Amino acid sequence: MSITRLYTGPDGQSHIEKMDLASHPELATLLATKGIVFRTTQPGYFSDWHNAPRRQFVITLTGEVEIGLGDGTTHRFGAGHVTLAEDLTGRGHTTRVVGHQPRLTATVHLAD
């Protein structure tokens, strides 16, 4: 399983940290949530610079996404990938649905 944390660094830019259960055992405990939302986005969909609206897990069920960061890098993730979105401040990131199939996601809103 691939988990990526998207967070705001002290420079105000969004950064990516790869996470696993060995180095982040808290991920293997019960987490309080507010709910879940399913969403389909079509290939070519692009969301310009934005922050995560809340702390949330975004799980890609089908399709592929490309996340762009302020340092000019892009990171591509496919089905089965989990993003812990925590970049609530700063410049944020971009999101693009890549490939030829729609991206289906399950977004789990975390409790405060």
N, C-alpha and C. Protein backbone atom coordinates (compact mmCIF):
# COMPACT_ATOMS: atom_id res chain seq x y z
N MET A 1 0.85 -1.18 0.00
CA MET A 1 0.00 0.00 0.00
C MET A 1 0.89 1.23 0.00
N SER A 2 0.49 2.19 -0.78
CA SER A 2 1.24 3.44 -0.91
C SER A 2 0.45 4.57 -0.26
N ILE A 3 1.06 5.24 0.70
CA ILE A 3 0.43 6.39 1.36
C ILE A 3 1.38 7.57 1.23
N THR A 4 0.83 8.70 0.81
CA THR A 4 1.61 9.92 0.67
C THR A 4 0.94 11.01 1.49
N ARG A 5 1.74 11.70 2.28
CA ARG A 5 1.24 12.85 3.04
C ARG A 5 1.58 14.11 2.26
N LEU A 6 0.57 14.94 2.03
CA LEU A 6 0.72 16.22 1.36
C LEU A 6 0.56 17.27 2.45
N TYR A 7 1.61 18.05 2.71
CA TYR A 7 1.59 18.99 3.83
C TYR A 7 2.27 20.30 3.45
N THR A 8 2.00 21.34 4.23
CA THR A 8 2.61 22.65 4.03
C THR A 8 3.88 22.75 4.87
N GLY A 9 4.99 23.06 4.22
CA GLY A 9 6.26 23.24 4.92
C GLY A 9 6.41 24.65 5.44
N PRO A 10 7.48 24.91 6.18
CA PRO A 10 7.73 26.25 6.72
C PRO A 10 7.92 27.31 5.63
N ASP A 11 8.20 26.86 4.39
CA ASP A 11 8.38 27.77 3.27
C ASP A 11 7.05 28.17 2.62
N GLY A 12 5.92 27.66 3.15
CA GLY A 12 4.62 27.98 2.59
C GLY A 12 4.26 27.17 1.36
N GLN A 13 5.11 26.23 0.99
CA GLN A 13 4.86 25.38 -0.17
C GLN A 13 4.37 24.00 0.28
N SER A 14 3.63 23.34 -0.59
CA SER A 14 3.20 21.97 -0.32
C SER A 14 4.35 21.01 -0.62
N HIS A 15 4.47 20.00 0.20
CA HIS A 15 5.51 18.98 0.06
C HIS A 15 4.88 17.61 0.19
N ILE A 16 5.62 16.60 -0.24
CA ILE A 16 5.16 15.22 -0.17
C ILE A 16 6.09 14.42 0.73
N GLU A 17 5.49 13.62 1.59
CA GLU A 17 6.22 12.68 2.44
C GLU A 17 5.63 11.30 2.22
N LYS A 18 6.47 10.32 1.88
CA LYS A 18 6.00 8.95 1.75
C LYS A 18 5.86 8.36 3.14
N MET A 19 4.76 7.64 3.37
CA MET A 19 4.47 7.08 4.68
C MET A 19 4.26 5.58 4.55
N ASP A 20 4.60 4.85 5.61
CA ASP A 20 4.27 3.43 5.69
C ASP A 20 3.90 3.12 7.13
N LEU A 21 3.33 1.94 7.32
CA LEU A 21 2.85 1.58 8.65
C LEU A 21 3.98 1.37 9.65
N ALA A 22 5.15 0.98 9.17
CA ALA A 22 6.28 0.77 10.08
C ALA A 22 6.74 2.08 10.70
N SER A 23 6.83 3.14 9.90
CA SER A 23 7.32 4.42 10.42
C SER A 23 6.20 5.31 10.97
N HIS A 24 4.95 4.97 10.67
CA HIS A 24 3.81 5.74 11.15
C HIS A 24 2.75 4.78 11.71
N PRO A 25 3.03 4.17 12.88
CA PRO A 25 2.11 3.19 13.44
C PRO A 25 0.74 3.77 13.78
N GLU A 26 0.62 5.08 13.91
CA GLU A 26 -0.67 5.69 14.20
C GLU A 26 -1.68 5.44 13.07
N LEU A 27 -1.19 5.16 11.88
CA LEU A 27 -2.08 4.87 10.75
C LEU A 27 -2.79 3.54 10.91
N ALA A 28 -2.27 2.68 11.78
CA ALA A 28 -2.86 1.36 12.00
C ALA A 28 -3.84 1.36 13.18
N THR A 29 -4.14 2.55 13.69
CA THR A 29 -5.11 2.67 14.78
C THR A 29 -6.41 3.27 14.24
N LEU A 30 -7.48 3.13 15.00
CA LEU A 30 -8.77 3.66 14.58
C LEU A 30 -8.72 5.20 14.58
N LEU A 31 -9.05 5.80 13.45
CA LEU A 31 -9.06 7.25 13.32
C LEU A 31 -10.50 7.74 13.28
N ALA A 32 -10.78 8.84 13.97
CA ALA A 32 -12.11 9.43 13.95
C ALA A 32 -12.34 10.14 12.62
N THR A 33 -13.50 9.90 12.02
CA THR A 33 -13.84 10.52 10.74
C THR A 33 -15.20 11.19 10.81
N LYS A 34 -15.45 12.07 9.85
CA LYS A 34 -16.74 12.75 9.75
C LYS A 34 -17.62 12.12 8.69
N GLY A 35 -17.02 11.49 7.69
CA GLY A 35 -17.81 10.92 6.60
C GLY A 35 -16.94 10.62 5.40
N ILE A 36 -17.58 10.13 4.37
CA ILE A 36 -16.89 9.76 3.14
C ILE A 36 -17.69 10.27 1.95
N VAL A 37 -16.96 10.70 0.91
CA VAL A 37 -17.56 11.19 -0.32
C VAL A 37 -16.90 10.47 -1.49
N PHE A 38 -17.70 10.00 -2.45
CA PHE A 38 -17.18 9.39 -3.66
C PHE A 38 -17.32 10.41 -4.79
N ARG A 39 -16.30 10.45 -5.66
CA ARG A 39 -16.30 11.45 -6.73
C ARG A 39 -15.66 10.85 -7.97
N THR A 40 -16.22 11.17 -9.12
CA THR A 40 -15.63 10.79 -10.40
C THR A 40 -15.19 12.05 -11.12
N THR A 41 -13.96 12.06 -11.62
CA THR A 41 -13.47 13.17 -12.44
C THR A 41 -12.95 12.59 -13.75
N GLN A 42 -13.20 13.30 -14.82
CA GLN A 42 -12.88 12.83 -16.16
C GLN A 42 -11.42 13.08 -16.53
N PRO A 43 -10.88 12.28 -17.44
CA PRO A 43 -9.51 12.51 -17.92
C PRO A 43 -9.36 13.94 -18.43
N GLY A 44 -8.25 14.55 -18.11
CA GLY A 44 -7.99 15.93 -18.53
C GLY A 44 -8.43 16.96 -17.51
N TYR A 45 -9.24 16.57 -16.52
CA TYR A 45 -9.68 17.51 -15.48
C TYR A 45 -8.44 18.11 -14.81
N PHE A 46 -8.45 19.42 -14.61
CA PHE A 46 -7.33 20.10 -13.96
C PHE A 46 -7.87 21.06 -12.92
N SER A 47 -7.31 20.97 -11.71
CA SER A 47 -7.63 21.92 -10.65
C SER A 47 -6.36 22.70 -10.35
N ASP A 48 -6.40 24.00 -10.63
CA ASP A 48 -5.22 24.85 -10.44
C ASP A 48 -4.90 24.97 -8.95
N TRP A 49 -3.95 25.76 -8.59
CA TRP A 49 -3.43 25.85 -7.23
C TRP A 49 -4.56 25.94 -6.21
N HIS A 50 -4.53 25.01 -5.26
CA HIS A 50 -5.54 24.97 -4.21
C HIS A 50 -4.98 24.25 -3.00
N ASN A 51 -5.58 24.49 -1.87
CA ASN A 51 -5.24 23.80 -0.63
C ASN A 51 -6.27 22.71 -0.38
N ALA A 52 -5.90 21.76 0.44
CA ALA A 52 -6.89 20.78 0.90
C ALA A 52 -7.91 21.55 1.74
N PRO A 53 -9.21 21.27 1.57
CA PRO A 53 -10.23 22.02 2.31
C PRO A 53 -10.31 21.61 3.78
N ARG A 54 -9.73 20.46 4.10
CA ARG A 54 -9.73 19.91 5.47
C ARG A 54 -8.72 18.78 5.48
N ARG A 55 -8.40 18.26 6.65
CA ARG A 55 -7.58 17.05 6.72
C ARG A 55 -8.42 15.90 6.20
N GLN A 56 -7.89 15.18 5.24
CA GLN A 56 -8.66 14.11 4.63
C GLN A 56 -7.75 13.11 3.94
N PHE A 57 -8.24 11.88 3.87
CA PHE A 57 -7.61 10.86 3.05
C PHE A 57 -8.33 10.86 1.72
N VAL A 58 -7.57 10.86 0.63
CA VAL A 58 -8.13 10.72 -0.71
C VAL A 58 -7.59 9.42 -1.28
N ILE A 59 -8.48 8.48 -1.52
CA ILE A 59 -8.10 7.16 -1.99
C ILE A 59 -8.50 7.04 -3.45
N THR A 60 -7.53 6.80 -4.32
CA THR A 60 -7.81 6.62 -5.74
C THR A 60 -8.24 5.17 -5.96
N LEU A 61 -9.47 4.99 -6.40
CA LEU A 61 -10.00 3.64 -6.64
C LEU A 61 -9.74 3.19 -8.07
N THR A 62 -9.92 4.09 -9.03
CA THR A 62 -9.59 3.83 -10.43
C THR A 62 -9.02 5.10 -11.03
N GLY A 63 -8.27 4.95 -12.10
CA GLY A 63 -7.71 6.10 -12.80
C GLY A 63 -6.37 6.53 -12.20
N GLU A 64 -5.88 7.65 -12.73
CA GLU A 64 -4.58 8.18 -12.30
C GLU A 64 -4.68 9.67 -12.07
N VAL A 65 -3.87 10.14 -11.14
CA VAL A 65 -3.80 11.57 -10.83
C VAL A 65 -2.35 12.01 -10.85
N GLU A 66 -2.16 13.28 -11.19
CA GLU A 66 -0.85 13.89 -11.13
C GLU A 66 -0.97 15.11 -10.22
N ILE A 67 -0.15 15.13 -9.18
CA ILE A 67 -0.15 16.24 -8.22
C ILE A 67 1.08 17.09 -8.50
N GLY A 68 0.85 18.39 -8.69
CA GLY A 68 1.94 19.33 -8.95
C GLY A 68 2.27 20.14 -7.72
N LEU A 69 3.57 20.35 -7.49
CA LEU A 69 4.04 21.12 -6.33
C LEU A 69 4.72 22.39 -6.78
N GLY A 70 4.88 23.31 -5.86
CA GLY A 70 5.48 24.61 -6.15
C GLY A 70 6.92 24.55 -6.62
N ASP A 71 7.62 23.45 -6.33
CA ASP A 71 9.01 23.33 -6.79
C ASP A 71 9.11 22.85 -8.23
N GLY A 72 7.94 22.70 -8.89
CA GLY A 72 7.93 22.30 -10.29
C GLY A 72 7.83 20.80 -10.51
N THR A 73 7.88 20.01 -9.44
CA THR A 73 7.78 18.56 -9.60
C THR A 73 6.33 18.13 -9.71
N THR A 74 6.12 17.00 -10.39
CA THR A 74 4.81 16.38 -10.45
C THR A 74 4.96 14.95 -9.98
N HIS A 75 3.91 14.45 -9.36
CA HIS A 75 3.91 13.11 -8.78
C HIS A 75 2.66 12.40 -9.26
N ARG A 76 2.84 11.24 -9.90
CA ARG A 76 1.72 10.50 -10.48
C ARG A 76 1.37 9.30 -9.60
N PHE A 77 0.07 9.13 -9.37
CA PHE A 77 -0.41 8.04 -8.53
C PHE A 77 -1.61 7.38 -9.20
N GLY A 78 -1.72 6.07 -9.02
CA GLY A 78 -2.81 5.32 -9.63
C GLY A 78 -3.70 4.65 -8.62
N ALA A 79 -4.48 3.69 -9.11
CA ALA A 79 -5.45 2.98 -8.29
C ALA A 79 -4.77 2.33 -7.08
N GLY A 80 -5.41 2.47 -5.94
CA GLY A 80 -4.89 1.91 -4.70
C GLY A 80 -4.05 2.89 -3.89
N HIS A 81 -3.75 4.04 -4.47
CA HIS A 81 -2.93 5.03 -3.75
C HIS A 81 -3.78 5.83 -2.77
N VAL A 82 -3.18 6.14 -1.62
CA VAL A 82 -3.84 6.93 -0.58
C VAL A 82 -3.03 8.20 -0.35
N THR A 83 -3.71 9.34 -0.38
CA THR A 83 -3.08 10.63 -0.05
C THR A 83 -3.71 11.13 1.24
N LEU A 84 -2.86 11.48 2.21
CA LEU A 84 -3.30 12.18 3.40
C LEU A 84 -3.09 13.66 3.12
N ALA A 85 -4.16 14.37 2.79
CA ALA A 85 -4.07 15.78 2.41
C ALA A 85 -4.13 16.65 3.66
N GLU A 86 -3.02 17.33 3.93
CA GLU A 86 -2.92 18.22 5.10
C GLU A 86 -2.33 19.58 4.74
N ASP A 87 -2.24 19.90 3.47
CA ASP A 87 -1.70 21.21 3.09
C ASP A 87 -2.82 22.25 3.11
N LEU A 88 -3.21 22.63 4.31
CA LEU A 88 -4.35 23.51 4.52
C LEU A 88 -4.03 24.99 4.33
N THR A 89 -2.76 25.33 4.30
CA THR A 89 -2.33 26.72 4.15
C THR A 89 -1.26 26.78 3.06
N GLY A 90 -0.80 28.00 2.79
CA GLY A 90 0.26 28.17 1.81
C GLY A 90 -0.27 28.16 0.38
N ARG A 91 0.63 27.92 -0.56
CA ARG A 91 0.29 27.97 -1.98
C ARG A 91 -0.60 26.81 -2.41
N GLY A 92 -0.42 25.65 -1.83
CA GLY A 92 -1.21 24.49 -2.20
C GLY A 92 -0.56 23.69 -3.31
N HIS A 93 -1.38 22.97 -4.05
CA HIS A 93 -0.91 22.05 -5.09
C HIS A 93 -1.90 22.08 -6.25
N THR A 94 -1.50 21.48 -7.37
CA THR A 94 -2.41 21.31 -8.49
C THR A 94 -2.77 19.83 -8.61
N THR A 95 -3.89 19.55 -9.25
CA THR A 95 -4.33 18.18 -9.46
C THR A 95 -4.80 18.03 -10.91
N ARG A 96 -4.31 16.98 -11.57
CA ARG A 96 -4.72 16.71 -12.94
C ARG A 96 -5.04 15.21 -13.07
N VAL A 97 -6.18 14.90 -13.69
CA VAL A 97 -6.51 13.50 -13.98
C VAL A 97 -5.82 13.16 -15.30
N VAL A 98 -4.95 12.16 -15.26
CA VAL A 98 -4.18 11.76 -16.44
C VAL A 98 -4.61 10.37 -16.89
N GLY A 99 -4.17 10.01 -18.06
CA GLY A 99 -4.56 8.71 -18.60
C GLY A 99 -5.86 8.81 -19.37
N HIS A 100 -6.48 7.65 -19.65
CA HIS A 100 -7.66 7.62 -20.52
C HIS A 100 -8.94 7.22 -19.80
N GLN A 101 -8.86 6.96 -18.51
CA GLN A 101 -10.09 6.59 -17.80
C GLN A 101 -10.38 7.58 -16.68
N PRO A 102 -11.65 7.71 -16.32
CA PRO A 102 -12.00 8.61 -15.22
C PRO A 102 -11.32 8.17 -13.92
N ARG A 103 -11.13 9.13 -13.04
CA ARG A 103 -10.58 8.84 -11.71
C ARG A 103 -11.74 8.79 -10.72
N LEU A 104 -11.88 7.66 -10.07
CA LEU A 104 -12.87 7.49 -9.01
C LEU A 104 -12.13 7.55 -7.69
N THR A 105 -12.58 8.44 -6.80
CA THR A 105 -11.94 8.58 -5.49
C THR A 105 -12.95 8.41 -4.37
N ALA A 106 -12.42 7.98 -3.25
CA ALA A 106 -13.16 7.96 -1.98
C ALA A 106 -12.41 8.93 -1.07
N THR A 107 -13.07 9.99 -0.65
CA THR A 107 -12.45 10.98 0.21
C THR A 107 -13.04 10.83 1.61
N VAL A 108 -12.18 10.56 2.56
CA VAL A 108 -12.59 10.35 3.95
C VAL A 108 -12.21 11.59 4.75
N HIS A 109 -13.22 12.32 5.21
CA HIS A 109 -12.99 13.54 5.98
C HIS A 109 -12.62 13.13 7.41
N LEU A 110 -11.48 13.63 7.89
CA LEU A 110 -11.04 13.32 9.24
C LEU A 110 -11.65 14.27 10.25
N ALA A 111 -11.98 13.76 11.42
CA ALA A 111 -12.52 14.59 12.48
C ALA A 111 -11.43 15.53 12.99
N ASP A 112 -11.85 16.67 13.50
CA ASP A 112 -10.89 17.65 14.03
C ASP A 112 -10.15 17.13 15.24
